Amino acid sequence: MDVDLFAGVAVSDLQRAITWFDQLFGDAESFEPNDTERVWTVAEHRHVYVELKPEHAGHAMVTLFVDDFDAFTEAAARRGIHPETRETYDNGVHKATYRDPDGNEVGVGGAPVLT
C-alpha cells in the first residue's frame, strides 16, 4: 500500500507562515493548492502544509526525522531560523524544536552520529 503523508499546521497569517516555513525548509518544493494553503514536499510522499485557520493556530506538533541533523539545523540557521531548544537523548538521538510565529511546534530529529 502506497501512502502519502500530509502533516497540517493551522496558522493565523498565511503570508507570514509561508515566509517562515520557506526559511525553515529551504529548497523544498512547494505548491499552492488554493488561496488558503501552502504545501512543502519535505521528502517523497511526505508533505507539510499550512492552512489559514486562525481559530486553530498555535496548537500543531509536527516532527521530522532527517538523515543529516547537523546539515538541516545549520542550513536553517543560515536562513535565519533557530531552534527554541536542542537536546540529545540518552540513546544519542538529537532533537531541535522550532516554533513558528503562531507558536506551532516543528521538531527536527536525527539519529546518533556513528563513528
PDB file of N, CA and C in Angstrom:
ATOM      1  N   MET A   1       0.844  -1.177   0.000  1.00  0.00           N
ATOM      2  CA  MET A   1       0.000   0.000   0.000  1.00  0.00           C
ATOM      3  C   MET A   1       0.889   1.240   0.000  1.00  0.00           C
ATOM      4  N   ASP A   2       0.692   2.106  -0.984  1.00  0.00           N
ATOM      5  CA  ASP A   2       1.397   3.382  -1.033  1.00  0.00           C
ATOM      6  C   ASP A   2       0.641   4.399  -0.199  1.00  0.00           C
ATOM      7  N   VAL A   3       1.387   5.220   0.540  1.00  0.00           N
ATOM      8  CA  VAL A   3       0.776   6.233   1.394  1.00  0.00           C
ATOM      9  C   VAL A   3       1.537   7.543   1.230  1.00  0.00           C
ATOM     10  N   ASP A   4       0.813   8.626   1.045  1.00  0.00           N
ATOM     11  CA  ASP A   4       1.385   9.968   1.115  1.00  0.00           C
ATOM     12  C   ASP A   4       0.957  10.548   2.455  1.00  0.00           C
ATOM     13  N   LEU A   5       1.858  11.247   3.133  1.00  0.00           N
ATOM     14  CA  LEU A   5       1.543  11.871   4.412  1.00  0.00           C
ATOM     15  C   LEU A   5       1.521  13.383   4.252  1.00  0.00           C
ATOM     16  N   PHE A   6       0.448  14.007   4.706  1.00  0.00           N
ATOM     17  CA  PHE A   6       0.320  15.457   4.746  1.00  0.00           C
ATOM     18  C   PHE A   6       0.132  15.848   6.206  1.00  0.00           C
ATOM     19  N   ALA A   7       1.116  16.525   6.796  1.00  0.00           N
ATOM     20  CA  ALA A   7       1.023  17.000   8.174  1.00  0.00           C
ATOM     21  C   ALA A   7       0.593  18.460   8.133  1.00  0.00           C
ATOM     22  N   GLY A   8      -0.542  18.773   8.768  1.00  0.00           N
ATOM     23  CA  GLY A   8      -1.120  20.109   8.676  1.00  0.00           C
ATOM     24  C   GLY A   8      -0.817  20.986   9.874  1.00  0.00           C
ATOM     25  N   VAL A   9      -0.637  22.276   9.589  1.00  0.00           N
ATOM     26  CA  VAL A   9      -0.355  23.279  10.607  1.00  0.00           C
ATOM     27  C   VAL A   9      -1.288  24.459  10.374  1.00  0.00           C
ATOM     28  N   ALA A  10      -2.151  24.749  11.351  1.00  0.00           N
ATOM     29  CA  ALA A  10      -3.055  25.898  11.246  1.00  0.00           C
ATOM     30  C   ALA A  10      -2.288  27.167  11.606  1.00  0.00           C
ATOM     31  N   VAL A  11      -2.500  28.223  10.805  1.00  0.00           N
ATOM     32  CA  VAL A  11      -1.793  29.488  11.030  1.00  0.00           C
ATOM     33  C   VAL A  11      -2.784  30.654  10.989  1.00  0.00           C
ATOM     34  N   SER A  12      -2.359  31.772  11.588  1.00  0.00           N
ATOM     35  CA  SER A  12      -3.226  32.954  11.628  1.00  0.00           C
ATOM     36  C   SER A  12      -2.918  33.956  10.524  1.00  0.00           C
ATOM     37  N   ASP A  13      -1.741  33.857   9.922  1.00  0.00           N
ATOM     38  CA  ASP A  13      -1.317  34.785   8.869  1.00  0.00           C
ATOM     39  C   ASP A  13      -0.583  33.956   7.822  1.00  0.00           C
ATOM     40  N   LEU A  14      -1.233  33.712   6.701  1.00  0.00           N
ATOM     41  CA  LEU A  14      -0.677  32.811   5.693  1.00  0.00           C
ATOM     42  C   LEU A  14       0.643  33.309   5.142  1.00  0.00           C
ATOM     43  N   GLN A  15       0.752  34.569   4.765  1.00  0.00           N
ATOM     44  CA  GLN A  15       1.994  35.054   4.165  1.00  0.00           C
ATOM     45  C   GLN A  15       3.156  34.985   5.155  1.00  0.00           C
ATOM     46  N   ARG A  16       2.905  35.320   6.410  1.00  0.00           N
ATOM     47  CA  ARG A  16       3.950  35.239   7.436  1.00  0.00           C
ATOM     48  C   ARG A  16       4.397  33.789   7.611  1.00  0.00           C
ATOM     49  N   ALA A  17       3.446  32.857   7.603  1.00  0.00           N
ATOM     50  CA  ALA A  17       3.779  31.440   7.734  1.00  0.00           C
ATOM     51  C   ALA A  17       4.576  30.945   6.532  1.00  0.00           C
ATOM     52  N   ILE A  18       4.189  31.358   5.336  1.00  0.00           N
ATOM     53  CA  ILE A  18       4.923  30.955   4.131  1.00  0.00           C
ATOM     54  C   ILE A  18       6.369  31.414   4.218  1.00  0.00           C
ATOM     55  N   THR A  19       6.584  32.637   4.632  1.00  0.00           N
ATOM     56  CA  THR A  19       7.948  33.161   4.765  1.00  0.00           C
ATOM     57  C   THR A  19       8.740  32.320   5.754  1.00  0.00           C
ATOM     58  N   TRP A  20       8.155  32.032   6.920  1.00  0.00           N
ATOM     59  CA  TRP A  20       8.859  31.285   7.965  1.00  0.00           C
ATOM     60  C   TRP A  20       9.166  29.857   7.516  1.00  0.00           C
ATOM     61  N   PHE A  21       8.172  29.144   6.972  1.00  0.00           N
ATOM     62  CA  PHE A  21       8.392  27.762   6.551  1.00  0.00           C
ATOM     63  C   PHE A  21       9.327  27.682   5.345  1.00  0.00           C
ATOM     64  N   ASP A  22       9.288  28.665   4.453  1.00  0.00           N
ATOM     65  CA  ASP A  22      10.275  28.712   3.362  1.00  0.00           C
ATOM     66  C   ASP A  22      11.682  28.786   3.933  1.00  0.00           C
ATOM     67  N   GLN A  23      11.868  29.594   4.967  1.00  0.00           N
ATOM     68  CA  GLN A  23      13.189  29.706   5.604  1.00  0.00           C
ATOM     69  C   GLN A  23      13.573  28.405   6.305  1.00  0.00           C
ATOM     70  N   LEU A  24      12.621  27.763   6.961  1.00  0.00           N
ATOM     71  CA  LEU A  24      12.924  26.510   7.659  1.00  0.00           C
ATOM     72  C   LEU A  24      13.292  25.412   6.669  1.00  0.00           C
ATOM     73  N   PHE A  25      12.498  25.240   5.617  1.00  0.00           N
ATOM     74  CA  PHE A  25      12.684  24.124   4.696  1.00  0.00           C
ATOM     75  C   PHE A  25      13.625  24.406   3.533  1.00  0.00           C
ATOM     76  N   GLY A  26      13.987  25.648   3.311  1.00  0.00           N
ATOM     77  CA  GLY A  26      14.942  25.969   2.256  1.00  0.00           C
ATOM     78  C   GLY A  26      14.421  25.635   0.878  1.00  0.00           C
ATOM     79  N   ASP A  27      15.132  24.778   0.174  1.00  0.00           N
ATOM     80  CA  ASP A  27      14.832  24.480  -1.224  1.00  0.00           C
ATOM     81  C   ASP A  27      13.728  23.439  -1.424  1.00  0.00           C
ATOM     82  N   ALA A  28      13.002  23.092  -0.382  1.00  0.00           N
ATOM     83  CA  ALA A  28      11.929  22.101  -0.548  1.00  0.00           C
ATOM     84  C   ALA A  28      10.916  22.605  -1.569  1.00  0.00           C
ATOM     85  N   GLU A  29      10.489  21.707  -2.426  1.00  0.00           N
ATOM     86  CA  GLU A  29       9.465  22.058  -3.423  1.00  0.00           C
ATOM     87  C   GLU A  29       8.185  22.446  -2.693  1.00  0.00           C
ATOM     88  N   SER A  30       7.518  23.467  -3.183  1.00  0.00           N
ATOM     89  CA  SER A  30       6.254  23.852  -2.568  1.00  0.00           C
ATOM     90  C   SER A  30       5.230  24.167  -3.653  1.00  0.00           C
ATOM     91  N   PHE A  31       3.972  24.116  -3.251  1.00  0.00           N
ATOM     92  CA  PHE A  31       2.905  24.477  -4.173  1.00  0.00           C
ATOM     93  C   PHE A  31       1.721  25.016  -3.388  1.00  0.00           C
ATOM     94  N   GLU A  32       0.860  25.755  -4.093  1.00  0.00           N
ATOM     95  CA  GLU A  32      -0.324  26.378  -3.504  1.00  0.00           C
ATOM     96  C   GLU A  32      -1.564  25.698  -4.077  1.00  0.00           C
ATOM     97  N   PRO A  33      -2.212  24.817  -3.296  1.00  0.00           N
ATOM     98  CA  PRO A  33      -3.398  24.142  -3.822  1.00  0.00           C
ATOM     99  C   PRO A  33      -4.621  25.054  -3.914  1.00  0.00           C
ATOM    100  N   ASN A  34      -4.631  26.137  -3.126  1.00  0.00           N
ATOM    101  CA  ASN A  34      -5.745  27.088  -3.147  1.00  0.00           C
ATOM    102  C   ASN A  34      -5.294  28.380  -2.459  1.00  0.00           C
ATOM    103  N   ASP A  35      -6.214  29.295  -2.209  1.00  0.00           N
ATOM    104  CA  ASP A  35      -5.870  30.608  -1.640  1.00  0.00           C
ATOM    105  C   ASP A  35      -5.565  30.589  -0.153  1.00  0.00           C
ATOM    106  N   THR A  36      -5.809  29.472   0.530  1.00  0.00           N
ATOM    107  CA  THR A  36      -5.624  29.449   1.985  1.00  0.00           C
ATOM    108  C   THR A  36      -4.600  28.421   2.452  1.00  0.00           C
ATOM    109  N   GLU A  37      -3.900  27.771   1.509  1.00  0.00           N
ATOM    110  CA  GLU A  37      -2.934  26.735   1.883  1.00  0.00           C
ATOM    111  C   GLU A  37      -1.634  26.854   1.086  1.00  0.00           C
ATOM    112  N   ARG A  38      -0.570  26.332   1.700  1.00  0.00           N
ATOM    113  CA  ARG A  38       0.726  26.165   1.019  1.00  0.00           C
ATOM    114  C   ARG A  38       1.290  24.832   1.469  1.00  0.00           C
ATOM    115  N   VAL A  39       1.860  24.070   0.550  1.00  0.00           N
ATOM    116  CA  VAL A  39       2.371  22.733   0.830  1.00  0.00           C
ATOM    117  C   VAL A  39       3.851  22.662   0.482  1.00  0.00           C
ATOM    118  N   TRP A  40       4.651  22.064   1.370  1.00  0.00           N
ATOM    119  CA  TRP A  40       6.064  21.802   1.115  1.00  0.00           C
ATOM    120  C   TRP A  40       6.256  20.293   1.071  1.00  0.00           C
ATOM    121  N   THR A  41       6.913  19.813   0.034  1.00  0.00           N
ATOM    122  CA  THR A  41       7.256  18.404  -0.077  1.00  0.00           C
ATOM    123  C   THR A  41       8.627  18.242   0.559  1.00  0.00           C
ATOM    124  N   VAL A  42       8.664  17.654   1.760  1.00  0.00           N
ATOM    125  CA  VAL A  42       9.922  17.546   2.509  1.00  0.00           C
ATOM    126  C   VAL A  42      10.666  16.259   2.185  1.00  0.00           C
ATOM    127  N   ALA A  43       9.984  15.282   1.609  1.00  0.00           N
ATOM    128  CA  ALA A  43      10.578  14.038   1.120  1.00  0.00           C
ATOM    129  C   ALA A  43       9.530  13.382   0.227  1.00  0.00           C
ATOM    130  N   GLU A  44       9.936  12.375  -0.514  1.00  0.00           N
ATOM    131  CA  GLU A  44       8.984  11.717  -1.407  1.00  0.00           C
ATOM    132  C   GLU A  44       7.783  11.206  -0.615  1.00  0.00           C
ATOM    133  N   HIS A  45       6.612  11.608  -1.025  1.00  0.00           N
ATOM    134  CA  HIS A  45       5.349  11.203  -0.406  1.00  0.00           C
ATOM    135  C   HIS A  45       5.148  11.768   1.007  1.00  0.00           C
ATOM    136  N   ARG A  46       5.928  12.787   1.382  1.00  0.00           N
ATOM    137  CA  ARG A  46       5.834  13.371   2.720  1.00  0.00           C
ATOM    138  C   ARG A  46       5.774  14.881   2.588  1.00  0.00           C
ATOM    139  N   HIS A  47       4.717  15.466   3.141  1.00  0.00           N
ATOM    140  CA  HIS A  47       4.453  16.888   2.954  1.00  0.00           C
ATOM    141  C   HIS A  47       4.066  17.539   4.276  1.00  0.00           C
ATOM    142  N   VAL A  48       4.428  18.806   4.407  1.00  0.00           N
ATOM    143  CA  VAL A  48       3.948  19.647   5.496  1.00  0.00           C
ATOM    144  C   VAL A  48       3.166  20.773   4.842  1.00  0.00           C
ATOM    145  N   TYR A  49       1.986  21.051   5.364  1.00  0.00           N
ATOM    146  CA  TYR A  49       1.212  22.143   4.797  1.00  0.00           C
ATOM    147  C   TYR A  49       0.729  23.071   5.886  1.00  0.00           C
ATOM    148  N   VAL A  50       0.603  24.338   5.527  1.00  0.00           N
ATOM    149  CA  VAL A  50      -0.013  25.317   6.414  1.00  0.00           C
ATOM    150  C   VAL A  50      -1.349  25.704   5.798  1.00  0.00           C
ATOM    151  N   GLU A  51      -2.295  25.971   6.692  1.00  0.00           N
ATOM    152  CA  GLU A  51      -3.623  26.386   6.251  1.00  0.00           C
ATOM    153  C   GLU A  51      -4.084  27.542   7.119  1.00  0.00           C
ATOM    154  N   LEU A  52      -4.641  28.541   6.484  1.00  0.00           N
ATOM    155  CA  LEU A  52      -5.148  29.702   7.193  1.00  0.00           C
ATOM    156  C   LEU A  52      -6.384  29.298   7.993  1.00  0.00           C
ATOM    157  N   LYS A  53      -6.203  29.124   9.285  1.00  0.00           N
ATOM    158  CA  LYS A  53      -7.276  28.772  10.224  1.00  0.00           C
ATOM    159  C   LYS A  53      -6.941  29.443  11.557  1.00  0.00           C
ATOM    160  N   PRO A  54      -7.121  30.749  11.635  1.00  0.00           N
ATOM    161  CA  PRO A  54      -6.696  31.493  12.833  1.00  0.00           C
ATOM    162  C   PRO A  54      -7.240  30.932  14.142  1.00  0.00           C
ATOM    163  N   GLU A  55      -8.453  30.386  14.108  1.00  0.00           N
ATOM    164  CA  GLU A  55      -9.053  29.879  15.342  1.00  0.00           C
ATOM    165  C   GLU A  55      -8.353  28.635  15.876  1.00  0.00           C
ATOM    166  N   HIS A  56      -7.523  27.988  15.068  1.00  0.00           N
ATOM    167  CA  HIS A  56      -6.798  26.784  15.482  1.00  0.00           C
ATOM    168  C   HIS A  56      -5.283  26.991  15.531  1.00  0.00           C
ATOM    169  N   ALA A  57      -4.805  28.155  15.187  1.00  0.00           N
ATOM    170  CA  ALA A  57      -3.366  28.405  15.083  1.00  0.00           C
ATOM    171  C   ALA A  57      -2.666  28.236  16.424  1.00  0.00           C
ATOM    172  N   GLY A  58      -1.447  27.727  16.351  1.00  0.00           N
ATOM    173  CA  GLY A  58      -0.590  27.651  17.524  1.00  0.00           C
ATOM    174  C   GLY A  58      -0.628  26.342  18.282  1.00  0.00           C
ATOM    175  N   HIS A  59      -1.358  25.341  17.799  1.00  0.00           N
ATOM    176  CA  HIS A  59      -1.504  24.098  18.552  1.00  0.00           C
ATOM    177  C   HIS A  59      -0.879  22.881  17.868  1.00  0.00           C
ATOM    178  N   ALA A  60      -0.260  23.038  16.719  1.00  0.00           N
ATOM    179  CA  ALA A  60       0.288  21.894  15.983  1.00  0.00           C
ATOM    180  C   ALA A  60       1.588  21.409  16.607  1.00  0.00           C
ATOM    181  N   MET A  61       1.810  20.108  16.459  1.00  0.00           N
ATOM    182  CA  MET A  61       3.068  19.473  16.850  1.00  0.00           C
ATOM    183  C   MET A  61       3.446  18.519  15.721  1.00  0.00           C
ATOM    184  N   VAL A  62       4.498  18.872  14.983  1.00  0.00           N
ATOM    185  CA  VAL A  62       4.955  18.083  13.846  1.00  0.00           C
ATOM    186  C   VAL A  62       6.426  17.778  14.079  1.00  0.00           C
ATOM    187  N   THR A  63       6.838  16.538  13.828  1.00  0.00           N
ATOM    188  CA  THR A  63       8.250  16.187  13.958  1.00  0.00           C
ATOM    189  C   THR A  63       8.729  15.518  12.683  1.00  0.00           C
ATOM    190  N   LEU A  64       9.863  15.971  12.193  1.00  0.00           N
ATOM    191  CA  LEU A  64      10.535  15.375  11.037  1.00  0.00           C
ATOM    192  C   LEU A  64      11.795  14.684  11.544  1.00  0.00           C
ATOM    193  N   PHE A  65      12.113  13.529  11.016  1.00  0.00           N
ATOM    194  CA  PHE A  65      13.359  12.844  11.354  1.00  0.00           C
ATOM    195  C   PHE A  65      14.213  12.855  10.099  1.00  0.00           C
ATOM    196  N   VAL A  66      15.327  13.563  10.138  1.00  0.00           N
ATOM    197  CA  VAL A  66      16.135  13.787   8.944  1.00  0.00           C
ATOM    198  C   VAL A  66      17.409  12.944   8.984  1.00  0.00           C
ATOM    199  N   ASP A  67      17.969  12.685   7.795  1.00  0.00           N
ATOM    200  CA  ASP A  67      19.164  11.847   7.738  1.00  0.00           C
ATOM    201  C   ASP A  67      20.429  12.587   8.142  1.00  0.00           C
ATOM    202  N   ASP A  68      20.452  13.909   8.041  1.00  0.00           N
ATOM    203  CA  ASP A  68      21.618  14.685   8.462  1.00  0.00           C
ATOM    204  C   ASP A  68      21.149  15.859   9.318  1.00  0.00           C
ATOM    205  N   PHE A  69      21.022  15.591  10.606  1.00  0.00           N
ATOM    206  CA  PHE A  69      20.512  16.563  11.558  1.00  0.00           C
ATOM    207  C   PHE A  69      21.330  17.855  11.551  1.00  0.00           C
ATOM    208  N   ASP A  70      22.657  17.727  11.625  1.00  0.00           N
ATOM    209  CA  ASP A  70      23.508  18.915  11.671  1.00  0.00           C
ATOM    210  C   ASP A  70      23.372  19.755  10.408  1.00  0.00           C
ATOM    211  N   ALA A  71      23.321  19.108   9.248  1.00  0.00           N
ATOM    212  CA  ALA A  71      23.181  19.852   7.996  1.00  0.00           C
ATOM    213  C   ALA A  71      21.850  20.598   7.966  1.00  0.00           C
ATOM    214  N   PHE A  72      20.772  19.959   8.422  1.00  0.00           N
ATOM    215  CA  PHE A  72      19.467  20.616   8.422  1.00  0.00           C
ATOM    216  C   PHE A  72      19.478  21.827   9.341  1.00  0.00           C
ATOM    217  N   THR A  73      19.920  21.654  10.585  1.00  0.00           N
ATOM    218  CA  THR A  73      19.872  22.759  11.552  1.00  0.00           C
ATOM    219  C   THR A  73      20.813  23.890  11.163  1.00  0.00           C
ATOM    220  N   GLU A  74      21.966  23.557  10.604  1.00  0.00           N
ATOM    221  CA  GLU A  74      22.907  24.595  10.160  1.00  0.00           C
ATOM    222  C   GLU A  74      22.335  25.368   8.975  1.00  0.00           C
ATOM    223  N   ALA A  75      21.710  24.683   8.040  1.00  0.00           N
ATOM    224  CA  ALA A  75      21.111  25.363   6.880  1.00  0.00           C
ATOM    225  C   ALA A  75      19.972  26.270   7.323  1.00  0.00           C
ATOM    226  N   ALA A  76      19.123  25.782   8.237  1.00  0.00           N
ATOM    227  CA  ALA A  76      18.034  26.615   8.751  1.00  0.00           C
ATOM    228  C   ALA A  76      18.599  27.858   9.440  1.00  0.00           C
ATOM    229  N   ALA A  77      19.670  27.690  10.211  1.00  0.00           N
ATOM    230  CA  ALA A  77      20.290  28.828  10.900  1.00  0.00           C
ATOM    231  C   ALA A  77      20.830  29.853   9.905  1.00  0.00           C
ATOM    232  N   ARG A  78      21.432  29.385   8.809  1.00  0.00           N
ATOM    233  CA  ARG A  78      21.927  30.316   7.781  1.00  0.00           C
ATOM    234  C   ARG A  78      20.779  31.105   7.165  1.00  0.00           C
ATOM    235  N   ARG A  79      19.589  30.514   7.162  1.00  0.00           N
ATOM    236  CA  ARG A  79      18.409  31.197   6.616  1.00  0.00           C
ATOM    237  C   ARG A  79      17.669  31.992   7.689  1.00  0.00           C
ATOM    238  N   GLY A  80      18.229  32.050   8.912  1.00  0.00           N
ATOM    239  CA  GLY A  80      17.665  32.884   9.966  1.00  0.00           C
ATOM    240  C   GLY A  80      16.676  32.205  10.893  1.00  0.00           C
ATOM    241  N   ILE A  81      16.558  30.879  10.826  1.00  0.00           N
ATOM    242  CA  ILE A  81      15.639  30.140  11.692  1.00  0.00           C
ATOM    243  C   ILE A  81      16.457  29.332  12.699  1.00  0.00           C
ATOM    244  N   HIS A  82      16.200  29.573  13.983  1.00  0.00           N
ATOM    245  CA  HIS A  82      16.962  28.926  15.052  1.00  0.00           C
ATOM    246  C   HIS A  82      16.011  28.173  15.978  1.00  0.00           C
ATOM    247  N   PRO A  83      16.460  27.025  16.498  1.00  0.00           N
ATOM    248  CA  PRO A  83      15.584  26.253  17.379  1.00  0.00           C
ATOM    249  C   PRO A  83      15.396  26.940  18.729  1.00  0.00           C
ATOM    250  N   GLU A  84      14.230  26.712  19.290  1.00  0.00           N
ATOM    251  CA  GLU A  84      13.949  27.177  20.648  1.00  0.00           C
ATOM    252  C   GLU A  84      14.726  26.332  21.656  1.00  0.00           C
ATOM    253  N   THR A  85      14.796  25.024  21.387  1.00  0.00           N
ATOM    254  CA  THR A  85      15.562  24.111  22.240  1.00  0.00           C
ATOM    255  C   THR A  85      16.297  23.105  21.372  1.00  0.00           C
ATOM    256  N   ARG A  86      17.370  22.561  21.938  1.00  0.00           N
ATOM    257  CA  ARG A  86      18.127  21.459  21.325  1.00  0.00           C
ATOM    258  C   ARG A  86      18.412  20.478  22.436  1.00  0.00           C
ATOM    259  N   GLU A  87      18.262  19.206  22.126  1.00  0.00           N
ATOM    260  CA  GLU A  87      18.561  18.207  23.142  1.00  0.00           C
ATOM    261  C   GLU A  87      19.096  16.938  22.497  1.00  0.00           C
ATOM    262  N   THR A  88      19.799  16.164  23.306  1.00  0.00           N
ATOM    263  CA  THR A  88      20.284  14.853  22.893  1.00  0.00           C
ATOM    264  C   THR A  88      19.800  13.858  23.934  1.00  0.00           C
ATOM    265  N   TYR A  89      19.091  12.851  23.481  1.00  0.00           N
ATOM    266  CA  TYR A  89      18.556  11.830  24.378  1.00  0.00           C
ATOM    267  C   TYR A  89      19.647  10.828  24.760  1.00  0.00           C
ATOM    268  N   ASP A  90      19.382  10.036  25.778  1.00  0.00           N
ATOM    269  CA  ASP A  90      20.355   9.051  26.262  1.00  0.00           C
ATOM    270  C   ASP A  90      20.802   8.081  25.173  1.00  0.00           C
ATOM    271  N   ASN A  91      19.940   7.818  24.201  1.00  0.00           N
ATOM    272  CA  ASN A  91      20.292   6.897  23.114  1.00  0.00           C
ATOM    273  C   ASN A  91      21.052   7.581  21.977  1.00  0.00           C
ATOM    274  N   GLY A  92      21.358   8.878  22.138  1.00  0.00           N
ATOM    275  CA  GLY A  92      22.119   9.610  21.137  1.00  0.00           C
ATOM    276  C   GLY A  92      21.302  10.333  20.091  1.00  0.00           C
ATOM    277  N   VAL A  93      19.988  10.139  20.087  1.00  0.00           N
ATOM    278  CA  VAL A  93      19.122  10.837  19.137  1.00  0.00           C
ATOM    279  C   VAL A  93      19.099  12.329  19.477  1.00  0.00           C
ATOM    280  N   HIS A  94      19.188  13.160  18.450  1.00  0.00           N
ATOM    281  CA  HIS A  94      19.163  14.617  18.612  1.00  0.00           C
ATOM    282  C   HIS A  94      17.777  15.150  18.247  1.00  0.00           C
ATOM    283  N   LYS A  95      17.380  16.248  18.909  1.00  0.00           N
ATOM    284  CA  LYS A  95      16.135  16.905  18.542  1.00  0.00           C
ATOM    285  C   LYS A  95      16.288  18.406  18.721  1.00  0.00           C
ATOM    286  N   ALA A  96      15.845  19.133  17.702  1.00  0.00           N
ATOM    287  CA  ALA A  96      15.758  20.597  17.764  1.00  0.00           C
ATOM    288  C   ALA A  96      14.283  20.944  17.645  1.00  0.00           C
ATOM    289  N   THR A  97      13.820  21.838  18.505  1.00  0.00           N
ATOM    290  CA  THR A  97      12.428  22.251  18.467  1.00  0.00           C
ATOM    291  C   THR A  97      12.336  23.696  18.013  1.00  0.00           C
ATOM    292  N   TYR A  98      11.628  23.897  16.919  1.00  0.00           N
ATOM    293  CA  TYR A  98      11.402  25.226  16.355  1.00  0.00           C
ATOM    294  C   TYR A  98       9.958  25.620  16.643  1.00  0.00           C
ATOM    295  N   ARG A  99       9.708  26.916  16.721  1.00  0.00           N
ATOM    296  CA  ARG A  99       8.336  27.415  16.860  1.00  0.00           C
ATOM    297  C   ARG A  99       8.107  28.478  15.792  1.00  0.00           C
ATOM    298  N   ASP A 100       7.005  28.306  15.050  1.00  0.00           N
ATOM    299  CA  ASP A 100       6.651  29.299  14.039  1.00  0.00           C
ATOM    300  C   ASP A 100       6.072  30.532  14.732  1.00  0.00           C
ATOM    301  N   PRO A 101       5.774  31.593  14.000  1.00  0.00           N
ATOM    302  CA  PRO A 101       5.262  32.819  14.621  1.00  0.00           C
ATOM    303  C   PRO A 101       3.965  32.639  15.421  1.00  0.00           C
ATOM    304  N   ASP A 102       3.178  31.595  15.130  1.00  0.00           N
ATOM    305  CA  ASP A 102       1.960  31.334  15.899  1.00  0.00           C
ATOM    306  C   ASP A 102       2.220  30.465  17.129  1.00  0.00           C
ATOM    307  N   GLY A 103       3.425  29.920  17.245  1.00  0.00           N
ATOM    308  CA  GLY A 103       3.739  29.038  18.364  1.00  0.00           C
ATOM    309  C   GLY A 103       3.615  27.564  18.038  1.00  0.00           C
ATOM    310  N   ASN A 104       3.289  27.216  16.791  1.00  0.00           N
ATOM    311  CA  ASN A 104       3.248  25.809  16.389  1.00  0.00           C
ATOM    312  C   ASN A 104       4.639  25.215  16.543  1.00  0.00           C
ATOM    313  N   GLU A 105       4.702  23.980  17.004  1.00  0.00           N
ATOM    314  CA  GLU A 105       5.978  23.298  17.224  1.00  0.00           C
ATOM    315  C   GLU A 105       6.347  22.451  16.014  1.00  0.00           C
ATOM    316  N   VAL A 106       7.556  22.668  15.524  1.00  0.00           N
ATOM    317  CA  VAL A 106       8.114  21.824  14.468  1.00  0.00           C
ATOM    318  C   VAL A 106       9.405  21.245  15.023  1.00  0.00           C
ATOM    319  N   GLY A 107       9.376  19.946  15.322  1.00  0.00           N
ATOM    320  CA  GLY A 107      10.559  19.275  15.820  1.00  0.00           C
ATOM    321  C   GLY A 107      11.333  18.672  14.673  1.00  0.00           C
ATOM    322  N   VAL A 108      12.653  18.655  14.811  1.00  0.00           N
ATOM    323  CA  VAL A 108      13.508  18.012  13.826  1.00  0.00           C
ATOM    324  C   VAL A 108      14.447  17.093  14.596  1.00  0.00           C
ATOM    325  N   GLY A 109      14.395  15.816  14.255  1.00  0.00           N
ATOM    326  CA  GLY A 109      15.229  14.840  14.938  1.00  0.00           C
ATOM    327  C   GLY A 109      16.237  14.219  14.003  1.00  0.00           C
ATOM    328  N   GLY A 110      17.247  13.617  14.620  1.00  0.00           N
ATOM    329  CA  GLY A 110      18.276  12.948  13.848  1.00  0.00           C
ATOM    330  C   GLY A 110      18.894  11.818  14.637  1.00  0.00           C
ATOM    331  N   ALA A 111      19.308  10.780  13.943  1.00  0.00           N
ATOM    332  CA  ALA A 111      19.901   9.607  14.569  1.00  0.00           C
ATOM    333  C   ALA A 111      21.261   9.942  15.162  1.00  0.00           C
ATOM    334  N   PRO A 112      21.724   9.116  16.091  1.00  0.00           N
ATOM    335  CA  PRO A 112      23.067   9.319  16.647  1.00  0.00           C
ATOM    336  C   PRO A 112      24.115   9.266  15.541  1.00  0.00           C
ATOM    337  N   VAL A 113      25.159  10.045  15.709  1.00  0.00           N
ATOM    338  CA  VAL A 113      26.259  10.021  14.751  1.00  0.00           C
ATOM    339  C   VAL A 113      27.157   8.856  15.128  1.00  0.00           C
ATOM    340  N   LEU A 114      27.322   7.905  14.219  1.00  0.00           N
ATOM    341  CA  LEU A 114      28.166   6.743  14.459  1.00  0.00           C
ATOM    342  C   LEU A 114      29.586   7.044  14.009  1.00  0.00           C
ATOM    343  N   THR A 115      30.525   6.712  14.852  1.00  0.00           N
ATOM    344  CA  THR A 115      31.940   6.973  14.488  1.00  0.00           C
ATOM    345  C   THR A 115      32.690   5.696  14.286  1.00  0.00           C
TER     346      THR A 115
END
